[in-house]
């Protein structure tokens, strides 16, 4: 009798992905629908909370199940560009789990488990080949490399809003023209200070 493949090599194989759950949902409820809503979104802080609703038939007045999830833009490289999409997938996955689309009675989706088991960036250890003397005496970080403070970033946003009111695309273009950066989060303290000096000169007040 052939042996079942071991799960030791892949600890997530017992968790069904959101995409698989969606496929099974529409196979079982071909006239059903999945609707997602943004409950709260703070684009400056990079926080989003979403709700997913699942309807099994066109005439369902209320959802058969709901699911909620939140994400932070600061949590990992992927979230930096896709935290909204990841949040939507997680909320849909949890809603479908409440409807019974799961593996081994586990509500958590594969995506959520992979996120939970992802080692934090700060926990990366130096390579064993790093000389002891160098590790014991790290070089001080130059002031030019220190990230911009929240106060600086908020001040920059205030000037950008004043110079390019209610036009995020124009604000981003202006930031790119002056710093070569796509986001205020990428600025150093030195770059932020220089940018503020330039914006102050252009401000109408």
N, C-alpha and C. Protein backbone atom coordinates (compact mmCIF):
# COMPACT_ATOMS: atom_id res chain seq x y z
N UNK A 1 0.85 -1.20 0.00
CA UNK A 1 0.00 0.00 0.00
C UNK A 1 0.89 1.25 0.00
N UNK A 2 0.64 2.17 -0.93
CA UNK A 2 1.48 3.36 -0.98
C UNK A 2 1.31 4.18 0.28
N UNK A 3 2.41 4.75 0.75
CA UNK A 3 2.37 5.57 1.94
C UNK A 3 1.91 6.99 1.62
N UNK A 4 1.20 7.57 2.60
CA UNK A 4 0.77 8.96 2.44
C UNK A 4 1.99 9.87 2.59
N UNK A 5 2.08 10.93 1.80
CA UNK A 5 3.23 11.82 1.90
C UNK A 5 3.27 12.47 3.27
N UNK A 6 4.47 12.60 3.81
CA UNK A 6 4.65 13.21 5.13
C UNK A 6 4.48 14.72 5.05
N UNK A 7 3.92 15.32 6.10
CA UNK A 7 3.73 16.78 6.13
C UNK A 7 4.89 17.48 6.80
N UNK A 8 5.95 16.70 7.19
CA UNK A 8 7.06 17.33 7.90
C UNK A 8 7.79 18.33 7.02
N UNK A 9 7.86 18.06 5.72
CA UNK A 9 8.56 18.98 4.84
C UNK A 9 7.80 20.24 4.54
N UNK A 10 6.50 20.21 4.70
CA UNK A 10 5.67 21.38 4.43
C UNK A 10 4.63 21.50 5.53
N UNK A 11 4.89 22.31 6.55
CA UNK A 11 3.97 22.39 7.68
C UNK A 11 2.64 23.04 7.34
N UNK A 12 2.52 23.63 6.14
CA UNK A 12 1.30 24.34 5.77
C UNK A 12 0.39 23.54 4.84
N UNK A 13 0.78 22.29 4.50
CA UNK A 13 0.01 21.56 3.50
C UNK A 13 -1.37 21.15 4.02
N UNK A 14 -1.56 21.15 5.33
CA UNK A 14 -2.87 20.81 5.88
C UNK A 14 -3.81 22.01 5.92
N UNK A 15 -3.31 23.18 5.52
CA UNK A 15 -4.13 24.39 5.52
C UNK A 15 -4.52 24.74 4.09
N UNK A 16 -5.80 24.94 3.87
CA UNK A 16 -6.30 25.23 2.53
C UNK A 16 -6.12 26.72 2.23
N UNK A 17 -5.65 27.03 1.03
CA UNK A 17 -5.47 28.43 0.65
C UNK A 17 -6.82 29.09 0.40
N UNK A 18 -6.82 30.43 0.42
CA UNK A 18 -8.05 31.18 0.18
C UNK A 18 -8.57 30.91 -1.23
N UNK A 19 -7.67 30.84 -2.20
CA UNK A 19 -8.08 30.60 -3.58
C UNK A 19 -8.82 29.26 -3.71
N UNK A 20 -8.34 28.24 -3.02
CA UNK A 20 -9.00 26.94 -3.06
C UNK A 20 -10.38 27.00 -2.41
N UNK A 21 -10.49 27.75 -1.32
CA UNK A 21 -11.78 27.88 -0.65
C UNK A 21 -12.80 28.61 -1.52
N UNK A 22 -12.34 29.65 -2.24
CA UNK A 22 -13.23 30.38 -3.13
C UNK A 22 -13.74 29.46 -4.24
N UNK A 23 -12.83 28.67 -4.80
CA UNK A 23 -13.22 27.74 -5.88
C UNK A 23 -14.26 26.75 -5.38
N UNK A 24 -14.06 26.21 -4.19
CA UNK A 24 -15.02 25.24 -3.64
C UNK A 24 -16.36 25.90 -3.31
N UNK A 25 -16.30 27.16 -2.89
CA UNK A 25 -17.54 27.88 -2.58
C UNK A 25 -18.42 28.00 -3.82
N UNK A 26 -17.84 28.42 -4.95
CA UNK A 26 -18.62 28.60 -6.17
C UNK A 26 -19.02 27.26 -6.81
N UNK A 27 -18.25 26.21 -6.51
CA UNK A 27 -18.68 24.89 -6.98
C UNK A 27 -19.94 24.44 -6.24
N UNK A 28 -20.00 24.74 -4.97
CA UNK A 28 -21.15 24.34 -4.16
C UNK A 28 -22.31 25.30 -4.30
N UNK A 29 -22.01 26.59 -4.44
CA UNK A 29 -23.05 27.62 -4.55
C UNK A 29 -22.80 28.45 -5.82
N UNK A 30 -23.11 27.90 -6.99
CA UNK A 30 -22.80 28.60 -8.25
C UNK A 30 -23.49 29.95 -8.39
N UNK A 31 -24.60 30.16 -7.67
CA UNK A 31 -25.29 31.44 -7.73
C UNK A 31 -24.96 32.31 -6.51
N UNK A 32 -24.03 31.87 -5.71
CA UNK A 32 -23.65 32.63 -4.53
C UNK A 32 -22.77 33.82 -4.90
N UNK A 33 -22.42 34.60 -3.90
CA UNK A 33 -21.56 35.76 -4.14
C UNK A 33 -20.77 36.08 -2.87
N UNK A 34 -19.61 36.66 -3.08
CA UNK A 34 -18.73 37.09 -1.99
C UNK A 34 -18.54 38.60 -2.11
N UNK A 35 -18.83 39.30 -1.04
CA UNK A 35 -18.73 40.76 -1.04
C UNK A 35 -17.80 41.19 0.09
N UNK A 36 -16.89 42.11 -0.21
CA UNK A 36 -15.96 42.61 0.80
C UNK A 36 -16.20 44.11 1.02
N UNK A 37 -15.97 44.55 2.25
CA UNK A 37 -16.14 45.95 2.62
C UNK A 37 -14.92 46.41 3.41
N UNK A 38 -14.52 47.66 3.22
CA UNK A 38 -13.50 48.27 4.06
C UNK A 38 -14.20 48.88 5.26
N UNK A 39 -13.93 48.35 6.44
CA UNK A 39 -14.54 48.85 7.68
C UNK A 39 -13.80 50.09 8.16
N UNK A 40 -12.49 50.03 8.12
CA UNK A 40 -11.67 51.17 8.55
C UNK A 40 -10.37 51.15 7.77
N UNK A 41 -9.93 52.33 7.32
CA UNK A 41 -8.68 52.42 6.57
C UNK A 41 -7.98 53.73 6.91
N UNK A 42 -6.81 53.61 7.46
CA UNK A 42 -5.97 54.77 7.76
C UNK A 42 -4.74 54.67 6.87
N UNK A 43 -4.77 55.36 5.74
CA UNK A 43 -3.69 55.23 4.76
C UNK A 43 -2.38 55.81 5.27
N UNK A 44 -2.46 56.82 6.13
CA UNK A 44 -1.23 57.40 6.65
C UNK A 44 -0.55 56.45 7.62
N UNK A 45 -1.32 55.81 8.47
CA UNK A 45 -0.77 54.87 9.44
C UNK A 45 -0.53 53.50 8.81
N UNK A 46 -1.17 53.24 7.67
CA UNK A 46 -1.01 51.94 7.02
C UNK A 46 -1.79 50.85 7.72
N UNK A 47 -2.99 51.18 8.19
CA UNK A 47 -3.84 50.21 8.88
C UNK A 47 -5.14 50.04 8.11
N UNK A 48 -5.58 48.77 7.97
CA UNK A 48 -6.86 48.52 7.31
C UNK A 48 -7.57 47.36 7.98
N UNK A 49 -8.88 47.51 8.15
CA UNK A 49 -9.75 46.47 8.69
C UNK A 49 -10.84 46.20 7.66
N UNK A 50 -11.03 44.93 7.28
CA UNK A 50 -12.00 44.58 6.24
C UNK A 50 -12.96 43.50 6.72
N UNK A 51 -14.14 43.48 6.10
CA UNK A 51 -15.18 42.50 6.41
C UNK A 51 -15.59 41.82 5.10
N UNK A 52 -15.71 40.52 5.14
CA UNK A 52 -16.16 39.75 3.98
C UNK A 52 -17.49 39.09 4.31
N UNK A 53 -18.41 39.07 3.33
CA UNK A 53 -19.72 38.47 3.51
C UNK A 53 -19.94 37.42 2.43
N UNK A 54 -20.50 36.29 2.82
CA UNK A 54 -20.78 35.23 1.86
C UNK A 54 -22.27 34.96 1.76
N UNK A 55 -22.81 35.01 0.53
CA UNK A 55 -24.23 34.75 0.27
C UNK A 55 -24.32 33.49 -0.59
N UNK A 56 -25.14 32.54 -0.17
CA UNK A 56 -25.23 31.28 -0.88
C UNK A 56 -26.21 31.30 -2.04
N UNK A 57 -27.17 32.23 -2.03
CA UNK A 57 -28.19 32.29 -3.08
C UNK A 57 -28.48 33.75 -3.40
N UNK A 58 -28.97 34.04 -4.62
CA UNK A 58 -29.23 35.43 -5.01
C UNK A 58 -30.23 36.14 -4.12
N UNK A 59 -31.18 35.41 -3.53
CA UNK A 59 -32.21 36.05 -2.74
C UNK A 59 -31.91 36.05 -1.24
N UNK A 60 -30.67 35.71 -0.86
CA UNK A 60 -30.31 35.78 0.55
C UNK A 60 -30.33 37.24 1.01
N UNK A 61 -31.10 37.52 2.04
CA UNK A 61 -31.19 38.89 2.54
C UNK A 61 -30.02 39.24 3.45
N UNK A 62 -29.49 38.25 4.13
CA UNK A 62 -28.36 38.47 5.03
C UNK A 62 -27.27 37.45 4.68
N UNK A 63 -26.03 37.75 4.97
CA UNK A 63 -24.96 36.81 4.63
C UNK A 63 -25.04 35.53 5.46
N UNK A 64 -24.66 34.43 4.85
CA UNK A 64 -24.63 33.16 5.57
C UNK A 64 -23.46 33.12 6.54
N UNK A 65 -22.43 33.89 6.27
CA UNK A 65 -21.27 33.95 7.16
C UNK A 65 -20.50 35.24 6.87
N UNK A 66 -19.76 35.68 7.86
CA UNK A 66 -18.90 36.86 7.71
C UNK A 66 -17.51 36.55 8.24
N UNK A 67 -16.56 37.34 7.82
CA UNK A 67 -15.18 37.19 8.31
C UNK A 67 -14.51 38.54 8.34
N UNK A 68 -13.67 38.77 9.34
CA UNK A 68 -12.95 40.04 9.47
C UNK A 68 -11.44 39.78 9.52
N UNK A 69 -10.68 40.77 9.08
CA UNK A 69 -9.22 40.68 9.14
C UNK A 69 -8.65 42.10 9.11
N UNK A 70 -7.46 42.26 9.67
CA UNK A 70 -6.78 43.55 9.58
C UNK A 70 -5.34 43.31 9.15
N UNK A 71 -4.74 44.33 8.57
CA UNK A 71 -3.34 44.27 8.16
C UNK A 71 -2.67 45.60 8.45
N UNK A 72 -1.35 45.55 8.59
CA UNK A 72 -0.54 46.75 8.76
C UNK A 72 0.48 46.80 7.64
N UNK A 73 0.59 47.96 7.01
CA UNK A 73 1.53 48.11 5.91
C UNK A 73 2.96 47.85 6.37
N UNK A 74 3.26 48.09 7.63
CA UNK A 74 4.62 47.96 8.15
C UNK A 74 5.03 46.52 8.41
N UNK A 75 4.09 45.57 8.31
CA UNK A 75 4.40 44.18 8.62
C UNK A 75 4.92 43.44 7.40
N UNK A 76 6.20 43.53 7.16
CA UNK A 76 6.82 42.74 6.11
C UNK A 76 6.89 43.43 4.76
N UNK A 77 7.74 42.87 3.89
CA UNK A 77 7.98 43.44 2.57
C UNK A 77 6.74 43.38 1.68
N UNK A 78 6.03 42.23 1.72
CA UNK A 78 4.86 42.06 0.85
C UNK A 78 3.77 43.09 1.21
N UNK A 79 3.54 43.28 2.51
CA UNK A 79 2.50 44.20 2.93
C UNK A 79 2.80 45.64 2.56
N UNK A 80 4.04 45.95 2.34
CA UNK A 80 4.40 47.33 2.00
C UNK A 80 3.68 47.79 0.74
N UNK A 81 3.48 46.87 -0.19
CA UNK A 81 2.81 47.21 -1.44
C UNK A 81 1.42 46.59 -1.57
N UNK A 82 1.10 45.58 -0.75
CA UNK A 82 -0.14 44.84 -0.97
C UNK A 82 -0.91 44.56 0.32
N UNK A 83 -0.81 45.46 1.30
CA UNK A 83 -1.48 45.16 2.57
C UNK A 83 -3.00 45.16 2.43
N UNK A 84 -3.55 45.95 1.50
CA UNK A 84 -5.00 45.98 1.29
C UNK A 84 -5.45 44.65 0.67
N UNK A 85 -4.74 44.20 -0.35
CA UNK A 85 -5.09 42.94 -1.01
C UNK A 85 -4.97 41.76 -0.04
N UNK A 86 -3.90 41.76 0.77
CA UNK A 86 -3.73 40.68 1.74
C UNK A 86 -4.85 40.66 2.76
N UNK A 87 -5.28 41.85 3.17
CA UNK A 87 -6.36 41.95 4.15
C UNK A 87 -7.65 41.41 3.57
N UNK A 88 -7.93 41.75 2.32
CA UNK A 88 -9.15 41.26 1.69
C UNK A 88 -9.15 39.74 1.60
N UNK A 89 -7.99 39.16 1.19
CA UNK A 89 -7.89 37.71 1.09
C UNK A 89 -8.11 37.04 2.44
N UNK A 90 -7.53 37.63 3.49
CA UNK A 90 -7.66 37.02 4.82
C UNK A 90 -9.10 37.07 5.30
N UNK A 91 -9.79 38.19 5.06
CA UNK A 91 -11.18 38.29 5.52
C UNK A 91 -12.07 37.30 4.76
N UNK A 92 -11.82 37.14 3.45
CA UNK A 92 -12.58 36.17 2.66
C UNK A 92 -12.29 34.75 3.15
N UNK A 93 -11.03 34.46 3.43
CA UNK A 93 -10.66 33.13 3.90
C UNK A 93 -11.35 32.77 5.20
N UNK A 94 -11.43 33.71 6.13
CA UNK A 94 -12.06 33.43 7.41
C UNK A 94 -13.58 33.29 7.25
N UNK A 95 -14.16 34.08 6.36
CA UNK A 95 -15.60 33.94 6.12
C UNK A 95 -15.92 32.57 5.55
N UNK A 96 -15.11 32.12 4.58
CA UNK A 96 -15.36 30.82 3.96
C UNK A 96 -15.12 29.68 4.96
N UNK A 97 -14.18 29.87 5.87
CA UNK A 97 -13.96 28.86 6.90
C UNK A 97 -15.19 28.73 7.79
N UNK A 98 -15.86 29.86 8.07
CA UNK A 98 -17.07 29.81 8.89
C UNK A 98 -18.20 29.06 8.16
N UNK A 99 -18.11 29.01 6.83
CA UNK A 99 -19.10 28.27 6.05
C UNK A 99 -18.74 26.80 5.90
N UNK A 100 -17.58 26.43 6.43
CA UNK A 100 -17.19 25.02 6.38
C UNK A 100 -16.14 24.68 5.34
N UNK A 101 -15.63 25.68 4.61
CA UNK A 101 -14.62 25.41 3.60
C UNK A 101 -13.24 25.51 4.27
N UNK A 102 -12.78 24.39 4.83
CA UNK A 102 -11.57 24.38 5.62
C UNK A 102 -10.94 23.00 5.54
N UNK A 103 -9.77 22.87 6.16
CA UNK A 103 -9.08 21.57 6.22
C UNK A 103 -8.86 21.19 7.67
N UNK A 104 -9.29 19.96 8.02
CA UNK A 104 -9.09 19.42 9.36
C UNK A 104 -9.61 20.36 10.45
N UNK A 105 -10.76 20.97 10.19
CA UNK A 105 -11.42 21.85 11.15
C UNK A 105 -10.51 22.99 11.63
N UNK A 106 -9.73 23.51 10.72
CA UNK A 106 -8.85 24.64 11.02
C UNK A 106 -9.40 25.87 10.32
N UNK A 107 -9.71 26.91 11.07
CA UNK A 107 -10.27 28.12 10.47
C UNK A 107 -9.19 28.92 9.74
N UNK A 108 -7.98 28.92 10.30
CA UNK A 108 -6.91 29.72 9.73
C UNK A 108 -6.56 29.25 8.32
N UNK A 109 -6.36 30.20 7.40
CA UNK A 109 -5.98 29.85 6.04
C UNK A 109 -4.48 29.64 5.95
N UNK A 110 -4.05 29.07 4.84
CA UNK A 110 -2.62 28.84 4.65
C UNK A 110 -1.87 30.17 4.65
N UNK A 111 -2.45 31.21 4.02
CA UNK A 111 -1.78 32.50 3.97
C UNK A 111 -1.56 33.07 5.37
N UNK A 112 -2.56 32.91 6.25
CA UNK A 112 -2.43 33.43 7.61
C UNK A 112 -1.38 32.66 8.40
N UNK A 113 -1.31 31.34 8.19
CA UNK A 113 -0.31 30.55 8.89
C UNK A 113 1.10 30.88 8.42
N UNK A 114 1.26 31.08 7.13
CA UNK A 114 2.58 31.44 6.60
C UNK A 114 3.01 32.80 7.14
N UNK A 115 2.04 33.72 7.26
CA UNK A 115 2.36 35.03 7.82
C UNK A 115 2.76 34.91 9.29
N UNK A 116 2.01 34.10 10.04
CA UNK A 116 2.29 33.95 11.48
C UNK A 116 3.64 33.28 11.71
N UNK A 117 4.07 32.41 10.80
CA UNK A 117 5.33 31.69 10.97
C UNK A 117 6.50 32.37 10.29
N UNK A 118 6.26 33.52 9.65
CA UNK A 118 7.34 34.23 8.99
C UNK A 118 8.22 34.88 10.04
N UNK A 119 9.53 34.62 10.06
CA UNK A 119 10.39 35.21 11.08
C UNK A 119 10.45 36.71 10.92
N UNK A 120 10.40 37.47 12.01
CA UNK A 120 10.48 38.92 11.91
C UNK A 120 11.83 39.35 11.36
N UNK A 121 11.84 40.47 10.69
CA UNK A 121 13.06 40.95 10.05
C UNK A 121 14.17 41.18 11.07
N UNK A 122 13.76 41.62 12.27
CA UNK A 122 14.76 41.94 13.29
C UNK A 122 15.45 40.71 13.84
N UNK A 123 14.85 39.51 13.63
CA UNK A 123 15.40 38.30 14.23
C UNK A 123 16.50 37.65 13.40
N UNK A 124 16.81 38.21 12.22
CA UNK A 124 17.84 37.63 11.37
C UNK A 124 19.18 37.76 12.07
N UNK A 125 19.87 36.64 12.25
CA UNK A 125 21.13 36.63 12.96
C UNK A 125 22.29 36.89 12.01
N UNK A 126 23.37 37.50 12.49
CA UNK A 126 24.54 37.71 11.63
C UNK A 126 25.18 36.38 11.26
N UNK A 127 25.83 36.33 10.12
CA UNK A 127 26.48 35.10 9.68
C UNK A 127 27.61 34.74 10.63
N UNK A 128 27.85 33.43 10.73
CA UNK A 128 28.86 32.95 11.66
C UNK A 128 30.24 33.45 11.28
N UNK A 129 30.43 33.81 10.00
CA UNK A 129 31.74 34.23 9.55
C UNK A 129 32.05 35.67 9.94
N UNK A 130 31.09 36.39 10.54
CA UNK A 130 31.32 37.77 10.93
C UNK A 130 32.39 37.83 12.01
N UNK A 131 33.44 38.57 11.84
CA UNK A 131 34.50 38.65 12.85
C UNK A 131 33.93 39.12 14.18
N UNK A 132 34.44 38.54 15.28
CA UNK A 132 33.95 38.88 16.61
C UNK A 132 34.18 40.34 16.92
N UNK A 133 35.32 40.85 16.53
CA UNK A 133 35.64 42.25 16.81
C UNK A 133 34.67 43.19 16.14
N UNK A 134 34.32 42.87 14.88
CA UNK A 134 33.39 43.72 14.14
C UNK A 134 32.00 43.66 14.74
N UNK A 135 31.55 42.45 15.18
CA UNK A 135 30.23 42.30 15.77
C UNK A 135 30.15 43.01 17.11
N UNK A 136 31.23 43.02 17.85
CA UNK A 136 31.22 43.62 19.18
C UNK A 136 31.27 45.13 19.12
N UNK A 137 31.80 45.67 18.01
CA UNK A 137 31.94 47.13 17.91
C UNK A 137 31.31 47.62 16.62
N UNK A 138 29.97 47.61 16.55
CA UNK A 138 29.30 48.06 15.33
C UNK A 138 29.55 49.53 15.06
N UNK A 139 29.62 49.86 13.80
CA UNK A 139 29.84 51.25 13.43
C UNK A 139 28.58 52.06 13.70
N UNK A 140 28.73 53.27 14.22
CA UNK A 140 27.54 54.10 14.46
C UNK A 140 26.86 54.47 13.15
N UNK A 141 25.56 54.54 13.18
CA UNK A 141 24.80 54.90 11.99
C UNK A 141 24.93 56.39 11.74
N UNK A 142 25.30 56.75 10.53
CA UNK A 142 25.43 58.17 10.21
C UNK A 142 24.07 58.83 10.29
N UNK A 143 24.06 60.09 10.69
CA UNK A 143 22.79 60.80 10.86
C UNK A 143 22.02 60.88 9.57
N UNK A 144 22.74 60.89 8.45
CA UNK A 144 22.07 60.98 7.15
C UNK A 144 21.26 59.73 6.84
N UNK A 145 21.58 58.61 7.52
CA UNK A 145 20.90 57.36 7.24
C UNK A 145 19.73 57.10 8.19
N UNK A 146 19.55 57.95 9.18
CA UNK A 146 18.47 57.76 10.14
C UNK A 146 17.14 58.09 9.47
N UNK A 147 16.12 57.22 9.58
CA UNK A 147 14.83 57.49 8.94
C UNK A 147 14.20 58.78 9.44
N UNK A 148 13.44 59.40 8.57
CA UNK A 148 12.74 60.63 8.94
C UNK A 148 11.79 60.38 10.11
N UNK A 149 11.64 61.38 10.96
CA UNK A 149 10.76 61.24 12.11
C UNK A 149 9.30 61.39 11.67
N UNK A 150 8.39 60.93 12.51
CA UNK A 150 6.96 61.08 12.22
C UNK A 150 6.59 62.56 12.13
N UNK A 151 7.22 63.37 12.95
CA UNK A 151 6.95 64.82 12.90
C UNK A 151 7.34 65.40 11.56
N UNK A 152 8.50 64.99 11.04
CA UNK A 152 8.93 65.47 9.73
C UNK A 152 7.97 65.02 8.64
N UNK A 153 7.57 63.74 8.69
CA UNK A 153 6.68 63.20 7.65
C UNK A 153 5.31 63.87 7.68
N UNK A 154 4.82 64.15 8.88
CA UNK A 154 3.52 64.83 8.98
C UNK A 154 3.62 66.26 8.46
N UNK A 155 4.75 66.91 8.73
CA UNK A 155 4.95 68.28 8.24
C UNK A 155 5.05 68.30 6.72
N UNK A 156 5.74 67.31 6.16
CA UNK A 156 5.85 67.21 4.70
C UNK A 156 4.47 67.02 4.08
N UNK A 157 3.66 66.15 4.68
CA UNK A 157 2.31 65.92 4.17
C UNK A 157 1.49 67.21 4.20
N UNK A 158 1.65 67.99 5.26
CA UNK A 158 0.90 69.25 5.37
C UNK A 158 1.26 70.19 4.22
N UNK A 159 2.55 70.28 3.91
CA UNK A 159 2.98 71.15 2.81
C UNK A 159 2.52 70.61 1.46
N UNK A 160 2.60 69.30 1.27
CA UNK A 160 2.17 68.71 0.00
C UNK A 160 0.67 68.93 -0.21
N UNK A 161 -0.11 68.83 0.86
CA UNK A 161 -1.54 69.07 0.76
C UNK A 161 -1.82 70.53 0.40
N UNK A 162 -0.99 71.41 0.91
CA UNK A 162 -1.18 72.83 0.63
C UNK A 162 -0.79 73.17 -0.81
N UNK A 163 0.30 72.55 -1.29
CA UNK A 163 0.80 72.85 -2.63
C UNK A 163 0.05 72.10 -3.72
N UNK A 164 -0.40 70.88 -3.41
CA UNK A 164 -1.15 70.08 -4.38
C UNK A 164 -2.40 69.55 -3.68
N UNK A 165 -3.37 70.43 -3.40
CA UNK A 165 -4.52 70.04 -2.58
C UNK A 165 -5.35 68.91 -3.20
N UNK A 166 -5.63 67.89 -2.36
CA UNK A 166 -6.52 66.78 -2.71
C UNK A 166 -6.12 66.06 -4.00
N UNK A 167 -4.83 66.00 -4.26
CA UNK A 167 -4.34 65.33 -5.47
C UNK A 167 -3.11 64.50 -5.10
N UNK A 168 -3.36 63.26 -4.68
CA UNK A 168 -2.27 62.41 -4.23
C UNK A 168 -1.26 62.14 -5.34
N UNK A 169 -1.74 61.99 -6.56
CA UNK A 169 -0.84 61.72 -7.67
C UNK A 169 0.13 62.89 -7.88
N UNK A 170 -0.40 64.11 -7.83
CA UNK A 170 0.45 65.29 -7.99
C UNK A 170 1.40 65.44 -6.81
N UNK A 171 0.93 65.10 -5.61
CA UNK A 171 1.80 65.16 -4.43
C UNK A 171 2.96 64.19 -4.56
N UNK A 172 2.66 62.98 -5.04
CA UNK A 172 3.69 61.96 -5.21
C UNK A 172 4.70 62.39 -6.27
N UNK A 173 4.19 63.01 -7.34
CA UNK A 173 5.08 63.49 -8.40
C UNK A 173 6.01 64.57 -7.87
N UNK A 174 5.48 65.49 -7.09
CA UNK A 174 6.29 66.55 -6.51
C UNK A 174 7.36 65.97 -5.59
N UNK A 175 6.97 64.97 -4.81
CA UNK A 175 7.94 64.33 -3.92
C UNK A 175 9.04 63.65 -4.72
N UNK A 176 8.67 62.98 -5.81
CA UNK A 176 9.66 62.31 -6.65
C UNK A 176 10.61 63.32 -7.29
N UNK A 177 10.06 64.45 -7.76
CA UNK A 177 10.89 65.46 -8.41
C UNK A 177 11.93 66.03 -7.47
N UNK A 178 11.56 66.19 -6.23
CA UNK A 178 12.46 66.86 -5.28
C UNK A 178 13.40 65.91 -4.54
N UNK A 179 12.99 64.64 -4.38
CA UNK A 179 13.81 63.73 -3.58
C UNK A 179 14.19 62.44 -4.30
N UNK A 180 13.46 62.10 -5.36
CA UNK A 180 13.69 60.82 -6.01
C UNK A 180 13.05 59.66 -5.26
N UNK A 181 12.28 59.97 -4.22
CA UNK A 181 11.61 58.95 -3.42
C UNK A 181 10.13 58.91 -3.75
N UNK A 182 9.54 57.70 -3.66
CA UNK A 182 8.13 57.53 -3.94
C UNK A 182 7.26 57.70 -2.71
N UNK A 183 7.86 57.67 -1.53
CA UNK A 183 7.09 57.74 -0.30
C UNK A 183 7.86 58.52 0.75
N UNK A 184 7.13 59.20 1.63
CA UNK A 184 7.77 59.90 2.74
C UNK A 184 8.45 58.92 3.68
N UNK A 185 7.95 57.69 3.72
CA UNK A 185 8.54 56.68 4.59
C UNK A 185 9.96 56.30 4.17
N UNK A 186 10.34 56.61 2.92
CA UNK A 186 11.66 56.24 2.44
C UNK A 186 12.71 57.32 2.72
N UNK A 187 12.29 58.46 3.23
CA UNK A 187 13.21 59.58 3.44
C UNK A 187 14.05 59.40 4.70
N UNK A 188 15.27 59.92 4.64
CA UNK A 188 16.09 60.02 5.84
C UNK A 188 15.81 61.36 6.50
N UNK A 189 16.30 61.53 7.72
CA UNK A 189 16.09 62.81 8.41
C UNK A 189 16.73 63.96 7.64
N UNK A 190 17.89 63.72 7.08
CA UNK A 190 18.57 64.77 6.33
C UNK A 190 17.78 65.15 5.07
N UNK A 191 17.29 64.13 4.36
CA UNK A 191 16.50 64.40 3.15
C UNK A 191 15.20 65.11 3.50
N UNK A 192 14.57 64.69 4.59
CA UNK A 192 13.32 65.31 5.01
C UNK A 192 13.52 66.77 5.37
N UNK A 193 14.62 67.08 6.07
CA UNK A 193 14.91 68.46 6.46
C UNK A 193 15.14 69.33 5.23
N UNK A 194 15.88 68.78 4.26
CA UNK A 194 16.14 69.55 3.04
C UNK A 194 14.85 69.78 2.25
N UNK A 195 13.99 68.74 2.19
CA UNK A 195 12.73 68.88 1.48
C UNK A 195 11.82 69.91 2.15
N UNK A 196 11.78 69.91 3.46
CA UNK A 196 10.94 70.87 4.19
C UNK A 196 11.39 72.30 3.91
N UNK A 197 12.70 72.51 3.83
CA UNK A 197 13.20 73.86 3.51
C UNK A 197 12.72 74.31 2.14
N UNK A 198 12.74 73.39 1.16
CA UNK A 198 12.29 73.74 -0.19
C UNK A 198 10.79 74.00 -0.23
N UNK A 199 10.02 73.14 0.46
CA UNK A 199 8.57 73.31 0.45
C UNK A 199 8.15 74.58 1.14
N UNK A 200 8.86 74.97 2.20
CA UNK A 200 8.53 76.20 2.90
C UNK A 200 8.69 77.42 2.01
N UNK A 201 9.69 77.35 1.13
CA UNK A 201 9.92 78.47 0.21
C UNK A 201 8.82 78.57 -0.84
N UNK A 202 8.20 77.43 -1.18
CA UNK A 202 7.17 77.43 -2.21
C UNK A 202 5.78 77.62 -1.62
N UNK A 203 5.64 77.46 -0.32
CA UNK A 203 4.31 77.55 0.31
C UNK A 203 3.74 78.96 0.13
N UNK A 204 2.44 79.06 -0.08
CA UNK A 204 1.79 80.36 -0.33
C UNK A 204 1.72 81.26 0.89
N UNK A 205 1.87 80.72 2.09
CA UNK A 205 1.73 81.58 3.27
C UNK A 205 3.10 82.11 3.71
